[in-house]
Amino acid sequence: ALRLDLLEPNGAPFDPAVHGNVTITLNRAGETAVQRKWSARTADGRFVTALDHVPAKGTIWPREPVAPGTYLLEVFVNGDPRVHRTMVLGPTVQTERITVR
């Protein structure tokens, strides 16, 4: 299971509501893009999901399990690329800290 701690450059949790349209993709390196639902818990404990978008502030995760392998993670804010990172995912729970610049 993959968890992404999305952070502001100052280390605070990244809040997509402050930035506008925040899209996210996670695709196997060199393969065709796949749409993914992303999940999060809001500050009041509600469970939310969004298709190819960051659903809430803080930690997010893919709704469906992601197989081990090499992936490209990309985050765009209002169409501008902010994260472009290769990740190697293993078979266990993995938390990645991602700074969205």
Protein backbone atom coordinates (compact mmCIF):
# COMPACT_ATOMS: atom_id res chain seq x y z
CA ALA A 1 0.00 0.00 0.00
CA LEU A 2 1.34 3.39 -1.00
CA ARG A 3 0.84 6.52 1.10
CA LEU A 4 1.92 9.97 -0.07
CA ASP A 5 2.52 12.73 2.48
CA LEU A 6 2.15 15.81 0.29
CA LEU A 7 3.96 18.80 1.76
CA GLU A 8 4.38 22.53 1.10
CA PRO A 9 8.00 23.72 0.70
CA ASN A 10 7.89 24.91 4.34
CA GLY A 11 7.00 21.37 5.52
CA ALA A 12 3.30 22.05 6.23
CA PRO A 13 0.71 19.63 4.77
CA PHE A 14 -0.11 20.53 1.15
CA ASP A 15 -3.68 21.81 0.80
CA PRO A 16 -5.08 21.53 -2.73
CA ALA A 17 -7.97 23.88 -1.85
CA VAL A 18 -5.44 26.72 -1.53
CA HIS A 19 -3.77 26.08 -4.89
CA GLY A 20 -6.59 25.49 -7.39
CA ASN A 21 -6.70 22.54 -9.78
CA VAL A 22 -4.24 19.92 -8.48
CA THR A 23 -3.95 16.78 -10.61
CA ILE A 24 -1.85 13.72 -9.84
CA THR A 25 -0.75 10.74 -11.92
CA LEU A 26 1.06 7.54 -10.98
CA ASN A 27 1.97 5.36 -13.93
CA ARG A 28 4.37 2.50 -14.53
CA ALA A 29 7.50 3.91 -16.09
CA GLY A 30 7.27 3.80 -19.87
CA GLU A 31 3.66 2.56 -19.98
CA THR A 32 0.33 4.10 -20.97
CA ALA A 33 -1.31 6.44 -18.47
CA VAL A 34 -3.87 4.92 -16.10
CA GLN A 35 -6.62 6.86 -14.36
CA ARG A 36 -6.61 6.40 -10.58
CA LYS A 37 -8.91 7.31 -7.77
CA TRP A 38 -7.04 8.90 -4.86
CA SER A 39 -8.32 8.80 -1.28
CA ALA A 40 -7.80 10.87 1.86
CA ARG A 41 -9.38 11.68 5.20
CA THR A 42 -10.42 15.25 5.83
CA ALA A 43 -9.63 17.08 9.07
CA ASP A 44 -13.12 16.20 10.35
CA GLY A 45 -12.57 12.49 9.61
CA ARG A 46 -14.61 12.16 6.40
CA PHE A 47 -13.30 9.79 3.71
CA VAL A 48 -13.03 11.47 0.27
CA THR A 49 -11.87 10.33 -3.17
CA ALA A 50 -11.09 12.06 -6.46
CA LEU A 51 -10.21 10.78 -9.92
CA ASP A 52 -6.70 11.95 -10.91
CA HIS A 53 -6.90 14.84 -8.41
CA VAL A 54 -5.53 15.37 -4.90
CA PRO A 55 -8.72 14.88 -2.81
CA ALA A 56 -7.74 16.63 0.43
CA LYS A 57 -4.97 18.12 2.52
CA GLY A 58 -2.19 15.88 3.86
CA THR A 59 -1.74 12.15 3.30
CA ILE A 60 -3.34 10.55 0.24
CA TRP A 61 -3.29 7.04 -1.22
CA PRO A 62 -4.49 5.24 -4.38
CA ARG A 63 -7.97 3.76 -3.88
CA GLU A 64 -6.90 0.49 -5.52
CA PRO A 65 -3.68 -1.37 -4.65
CA VAL A 66 -0.66 -0.63 -6.83
CA ALA A 67 1.55 -3.55 -7.88
CA PRO A 68 5.26 -3.43 -7.05
CA GLY A 69 7.41 -1.88 -9.75
CA THR A 70 8.90 1.36 -11.03
CA TYR A 71 6.48 4.27 -11.38
CA LEU A 72 6.49 7.91 -12.41
CA LEU A 73 4.63 10.24 -10.05
CA GLU A 74 3.57 13.63 -11.41
CA VAL A 75 1.69 16.46 -9.71
CA PHE A 76 0.40 19.49 -11.63
CA VAL A 77 -0.96 22.68 -10.08
CA ASN A 78 -3.19 24.61 -12.48
CA GLY A 79 -1.47 22.79 -15.35
CA ASP A 80 2.08 23.62 -14.17
CA PRO A 81 4.32 20.61 -13.42
CA ARG A 82 5.37 20.69 -9.75
CA VAL A 83 6.49 17.09 -9.09
CA HIS A 84 8.15 14.66 -11.49
CA ARG A 85 9.58 11.74 -9.52
CA THR A 86 10.47 8.12 -10.23
CA MET A 87 9.54 5.75 -7.41
CA VAL A 88 10.25 2.07 -6.89
CA LEU A 89 7.34 0.49 -5.02
CA GLY A 90 7.76 -2.72 -3.07
CA PRO A 91 5.21 -5.26 -1.77
CA THR A 92 4.86 -3.67 1.72
CA VAL A 93 3.34 -0.45 3.05
CA GLN A 94 5.40 2.45 1.77
CA THR A 95 5.05 6.12 2.75
CA GLU A 96 6.72 8.74 0.58
CA ARG A 97 7.16 12.39 1.57
CA ILE A 98 6.58 14.56 -1.50
CA THR A 99 7.24 18.30 -1.54
CA VAL A 100 4.97 20.10 -4.03
CA ARG A 101 6.90 23.18 -5.14
